Amino acid sequence: MAETVYVSDIQKAKKFFLEGLGFTLEEDYGDNILIKSENLEIEVVQDEEKSSLFKEVEIKANDKEEAKKKLKNLGYILDEDLVEGFDNLKVKLL
């Protein structure tokens, strides 16, 4: 079963998860996408109201240092292994 993350901007989410964290795009329905990593499946849904809810997700990165480098290059702030994403989304890299 996929975990659900709500975002205000699906394009930002694609960039964050696909380019920054290396997820694979499984399905693209326009306002929501299904993405997969080695150990996690996430449904990302564009929903302006729910995007303000705080959400923290733990993700096992194949190459944590490479993921951190990519996320920094995309302009995200990292504190150790915690990435401050967007829309109150925080990702802990394992």
N, C-alpha and C. Protein backbone atom coordinates (compact mmCIF):
# COMPACT_ATOMS: atom_id res chain seq x y z
N MET A 1 0.85 -1.19 0.00
CA MET A 1 0.00 0.00 0.00
C MET A 1 0.88 1.24 0.00
N ALA A 2 0.56 2.17 -0.84
CA ALA A 2 1.36 3.39 -0.99
C ALA A 2 1.04 4.40 0.12
N GLU A 3 2.06 5.10 0.55
CA GLU A 3 1.87 6.22 1.46
C GLU A 3 1.41 7.40 0.61
N THR A 4 0.60 8.29 1.17
CA THR A 4 0.11 9.44 0.42
C THR A 4 0.72 10.72 0.96
N VAL A 5 1.22 11.55 0.03
CA VAL A 5 1.77 12.85 0.36
C VAL A 5 1.00 13.88 -0.46
N TYR A 6 0.51 14.93 0.21
CA TYR A 6 -0.25 15.98 -0.47
C TYR A 6 0.67 17.18 -0.72
N VAL A 7 0.59 17.73 -1.93
CA VAL A 7 1.43 18.86 -2.32
C VAL A 7 0.58 19.91 -3.02
N SER A 8 1.09 21.14 -3.05
CA SER A 8 0.38 22.21 -3.75
C SER A 8 0.77 22.29 -5.22
N ASP A 9 1.93 21.71 -5.57
CA ASP A 9 2.45 21.82 -6.94
C ASP A 9 3.03 20.48 -7.36
N ILE A 10 2.33 19.79 -8.23
CA ILE A 10 2.76 18.45 -8.65
C ILE A 10 4.07 18.50 -9.44
N GLN A 11 4.32 19.59 -10.16
CA GLN A 11 5.57 19.70 -10.92
C GLN A 11 6.78 19.82 -9.99
N LYS A 12 6.64 20.61 -8.91
CA LYS A 12 7.70 20.70 -7.90
C LYS A 12 7.94 19.34 -7.27
N ALA A 13 6.85 18.64 -7.01
CA ALA A 13 6.96 17.32 -6.40
C ALA A 13 7.71 16.35 -7.31
N LYS A 14 7.41 16.39 -8.59
CA LYS A 14 8.12 15.52 -9.54
C LYS A 14 9.61 15.80 -9.50
N LYS A 15 9.97 17.06 -9.54
CA LYS A 15 11.39 17.44 -9.52
C LYS A 15 12.05 16.97 -8.23
N PHE A 16 11.37 17.19 -7.10
CA PHE A 16 11.92 16.82 -5.80
C PHE A 16 12.12 15.31 -5.69
N PHE A 17 11.08 14.55 -5.98
CA PHE A 17 11.15 13.10 -5.78
C PHE A 17 11.92 12.38 -6.90
N LEU A 18 11.71 12.79 -8.14
CA LEU A 18 12.34 12.07 -9.26
C LEU A 18 13.80 12.49 -9.45
N GLU A 19 14.04 13.79 -9.56
CA GLU A 19 15.40 14.27 -9.79
C GLU A 19 16.23 14.28 -8.52
N GLY A 20 15.62 14.73 -7.42
CA GLY A 20 16.37 14.86 -6.17
C GLY A 20 16.58 13.55 -5.43
N LEU A 21 15.53 12.77 -5.31
CA LEU A 21 15.60 11.55 -4.51
C LEU A 21 15.71 10.28 -5.33
N GLY A 22 15.60 10.38 -6.64
CA GLY A 22 15.81 9.22 -7.50
C GLY A 22 14.66 8.23 -7.56
N PHE A 23 13.45 8.68 -7.24
CA PHE A 23 12.28 7.80 -7.37
C PHE A 23 12.00 7.54 -8.84
N THR A 24 11.28 6.48 -9.11
CA THR A 24 10.84 6.13 -10.45
C THR A 24 9.37 6.48 -10.58
N LEU A 25 9.00 7.09 -11.69
CA LEU A 25 7.60 7.42 -11.95
C LEU A 25 6.91 6.17 -12.47
N GLU A 26 5.91 5.71 -11.71
CA GLU A 26 5.15 4.52 -12.09
C GLU A 26 3.90 4.89 -12.88
N GLU A 27 3.17 5.90 -12.40
CA GLU A 27 1.93 6.34 -13.05
C GLU A 27 1.84 7.85 -12.94
N ASP A 28 1.31 8.48 -13.98
CA ASP A 28 1.11 9.94 -13.98
C ASP A 28 -0.33 10.20 -14.41
N TYR A 29 -1.12 10.72 -13.47
CA TYR A 29 -2.53 10.98 -13.72
C TYR A 29 -2.82 12.48 -13.84
N GLY A 30 -1.78 13.28 -13.98
CA GLY A 30 -1.97 14.72 -14.07
C GLY A 30 -1.81 15.39 -12.72
N ASP A 31 -2.88 15.37 -11.91
CA ASP A 31 -2.82 16.00 -10.59
C ASP A 31 -2.32 15.07 -9.50
N ASN A 32 -2.04 13.84 -9.83
CA ASN A 32 -1.40 12.94 -8.88
C ASN A 32 -0.52 11.94 -9.62
N ILE A 33 0.49 11.50 -8.90
CA ILE A 33 1.45 10.55 -9.48
C ILE A 33 1.71 9.43 -8.48
N LEU A 34 2.13 8.31 -9.00
CA LEU A 34 2.56 7.20 -8.17
C LEU A 34 4.04 7.02 -8.45
N ILE A 35 4.84 7.09 -7.40
CA ILE A 35 6.29 6.97 -7.54
C ILE A 35 6.80 5.83 -6.66
N LYS A 36 7.95 5.30 -7.04
CA LYS A 36 8.49 4.14 -6.35
C LYS A 36 9.99 4.28 -6.17
N SER A 37 10.44 3.82 -5.00
CA SER A 37 11.87 3.63 -4.79
C SER A 37 12.03 2.15 -4.47
N GLU A 38 13.22 1.79 -4.11
CA GLU A 38 13.49 0.38 -3.83
C GLU A 38 12.59 -0.17 -2.72
N ASN A 39 12.32 0.64 -1.71
CA ASN A 39 11.59 0.13 -0.55
C ASN A 39 10.33 0.91 -0.20
N LEU A 40 9.88 1.80 -1.09
CA LEU A 40 8.76 2.66 -0.73
C LEU A 40 7.97 3.06 -1.98
N GLU A 41 6.66 3.08 -1.82
CA GLU A 41 5.77 3.55 -2.89
C GLU A 41 4.97 4.71 -2.31
N ILE A 42 4.94 5.83 -3.05
CA ILE A 42 4.25 7.02 -2.58
C ILE A 42 3.29 7.52 -3.65
N GLU A 43 2.07 7.80 -3.23
CA GLU A 43 1.13 8.48 -4.10
C GLU A 43 1.22 9.96 -3.75
N VAL A 44 1.58 10.77 -4.71
CA VAL A 44 1.71 12.21 -4.50
C VAL A 44 0.49 12.86 -5.15
N VAL A 45 -0.28 13.59 -4.33
CA VAL A 45 -1.55 14.16 -4.77
C VAL A 45 -1.50 15.67 -4.65
N GLN A 46 -1.87 16.35 -5.73
CA GLN A 46 -1.95 17.81 -5.69
C GLN A 46 -3.27 18.19 -5.05
N ASP A 47 -3.17 18.81 -3.87
CA ASP A 47 -4.36 19.23 -3.12
C ASP A 47 -3.95 20.44 -2.29
N GLU A 48 -4.36 21.61 -2.71
CA GLU A 48 -3.97 22.88 -2.09
C GLU A 48 -4.26 22.90 -0.59
N GLU A 49 -5.44 22.45 -0.17
CA GLU A 49 -5.82 22.47 1.24
C GLU A 49 -4.98 21.53 2.08
N LYS A 50 -4.85 20.30 1.65
CA LYS A 50 -4.15 19.29 2.44
C LYS A 50 -2.63 19.45 2.39
N SER A 51 -2.12 20.22 1.44
CA SER A 51 -0.67 20.37 1.31
C SER A 51 -0.05 21.09 2.50
N SER A 52 -0.85 21.82 3.26
CA SER A 52 -0.31 22.56 4.41
C SER A 52 -0.13 21.67 5.64
N LEU A 53 -0.61 20.43 5.57
CA LEU A 53 -0.45 19.51 6.69
C LEU A 53 1.02 19.09 6.79
N PHE A 54 1.54 19.06 8.00
CA PHE A 54 2.93 18.64 8.19
C PHE A 54 3.06 17.16 7.87
N LYS A 55 4.12 16.82 7.17
CA LYS A 55 4.34 15.42 6.81
C LYS A 55 5.84 15.14 6.86
N GLU A 56 6.21 14.07 7.54
CA GLU A 56 7.60 13.63 7.53
C GLU A 56 7.65 12.21 7.01
N VAL A 57 8.53 11.98 6.07
CA VAL A 57 8.67 10.68 5.43
C VAL A 57 10.12 10.22 5.58
N GLU A 58 10.31 8.95 5.90
CA GLU A 58 11.65 8.37 5.95
C GLU A 58 11.88 7.60 4.65
N ILE A 59 13.01 7.89 4.03
CA ILE A 59 13.33 7.26 2.75
C ILE A 59 14.74 6.69 2.80
N LYS A 60 14.86 5.43 2.43
CA LYS A 60 16.17 4.80 2.33
C LYS A 60 16.72 5.10 0.95
N ALA A 61 17.75 5.91 0.92
CA ALA A 61 18.36 6.28 -0.36
C ALA A 61 19.39 5.23 -0.77
N ASN A 62 19.43 4.90 -2.06
CA ASN A 62 20.44 3.97 -2.55
C ASN A 62 21.84 4.55 -2.30
N ASP A 63 21.99 5.84 -2.57
CA ASP A 63 23.25 6.55 -2.34
C ASP A 63 22.90 7.86 -1.65
N LYS A 64 22.95 7.83 -0.33
CA LYS A 64 22.49 8.97 0.46
C LYS A 64 23.28 10.24 0.15
N GLU A 65 24.58 10.12 0.00
CA GLU A 65 25.41 11.30 -0.27
C GLU A 65 25.09 11.90 -1.64
N GLU A 66 24.84 11.05 -2.61
CA GLU A 66 24.48 11.53 -3.95
C GLU A 66 23.12 12.23 -3.93
N ALA A 67 22.17 11.65 -3.19
CA ALA A 67 20.84 12.27 -3.07
C ALA A 67 20.96 13.62 -2.40
N LYS A 68 21.77 13.73 -1.35
CA LYS A 68 21.96 15.01 -0.65
C LYS A 68 22.57 16.05 -1.59
N LYS A 69 23.51 15.63 -2.38
CA LYS A 69 24.15 16.54 -3.35
C LYS A 69 23.14 17.05 -4.37
N LYS A 70 22.33 16.14 -4.91
CA LYS A 70 21.31 16.53 -5.90
C LYS A 70 20.30 17.48 -5.30
N LEU A 71 19.86 17.19 -4.08
CA LEU A 71 18.87 18.04 -3.42
C LEU A 71 19.44 19.42 -3.14
N LYS A 72 20.69 19.51 -2.72
CA LYS A 72 21.33 20.81 -2.50
C LYS A 72 21.39 21.58 -3.81
N ASN A 73 21.74 20.89 -4.89
CA ASN A 73 21.81 21.55 -6.21
C ASN A 73 20.44 22.05 -6.67
N LEU A 74 19.37 21.41 -6.21
CA LEU A 74 18.01 21.84 -6.55
C LEU A 74 17.53 22.96 -5.63
N GLY A 75 18.37 23.32 -4.64
CA GLY A 75 18.05 24.44 -3.76
C GLY A 75 17.38 24.08 -2.45
N TYR A 76 17.35 22.81 -2.11
CA TYR A 76 16.72 22.41 -0.86
C TYR A 76 17.71 22.50 0.30
N ILE A 77 17.18 22.75 1.49
CA ILE A 77 18.00 22.90 2.69
C ILE A 77 18.08 21.56 3.40
N LEU A 78 19.31 21.18 3.75
CA LEU A 78 19.52 19.93 4.47
C LEU A 78 20.12 20.21 5.83
N ASP A 79 19.65 19.49 6.82
CA ASP A 79 20.20 19.53 8.17
C ASP A 79 20.55 18.09 8.51
N GLU A 80 21.83 17.77 8.36
CA GLU A 80 22.27 16.38 8.50
C GLU A 80 21.55 15.54 7.45
N ASP A 81 20.69 14.64 7.89
CA ASP A 81 19.99 13.76 6.96
C ASP A 81 18.52 14.14 6.79
N LEU A 82 18.15 15.32 7.28
CA LEU A 82 16.77 15.79 7.16
C LEU A 82 16.69 16.87 6.07
N VAL A 83 15.83 16.65 5.11
CA VAL A 83 15.65 17.58 3.99
C VAL A 83 14.37 18.36 4.21
N GLU A 84 14.48 19.67 4.16
CA GLU A 84 13.28 20.51 4.21
C GLU A 84 12.80 20.67 2.79
N GLY A 85 11.73 19.98 2.47
CA GLY A 85 11.18 20.02 1.12
C GLY A 85 10.33 21.26 0.92
N PHE A 86 9.12 21.08 0.54
CA PHE A 86 8.19 22.17 0.29
C PHE A 86 6.86 21.76 0.91
N ASP A 87 5.96 22.70 1.08
CA ASP A 87 4.63 22.40 1.64
C ASP A 87 4.71 21.67 2.98
N ASN A 88 5.64 22.05 3.84
CA ASN A 88 5.82 21.44 5.15
C ASN A 88 6.25 19.97 5.08
N LEU A 89 6.76 19.53 3.96
CA LEU A 89 7.24 18.17 3.81
C LEU A 89 8.69 18.08 4.25
N LYS A 90 8.96 17.14 5.13
CA LYS A 90 10.32 16.88 5.57
C LYS A 90 10.64 15.42 5.25
N VAL A 91 11.84 15.20 4.72
CA VAL A 91 12.25 13.86 4.36
C VAL A 91 13.52 13.52 5.11
N LYS A 92 13.46 12.42 5.84
CA LYS A 92 14.65 11.94 6.54
C LYS A 92 15.28 10.86 5.67
N LEU A 93 16.53 11.09 5.29
CA LEU A 93 17.25 10.13 4.47
C LEU A 93 17.91 9.08 5.36
N LEU A 94 17.63 7.84 5.07
CA LEU A 94 18.21 6.74 5.85
C LEU A 94 19.36 6.12 5.10
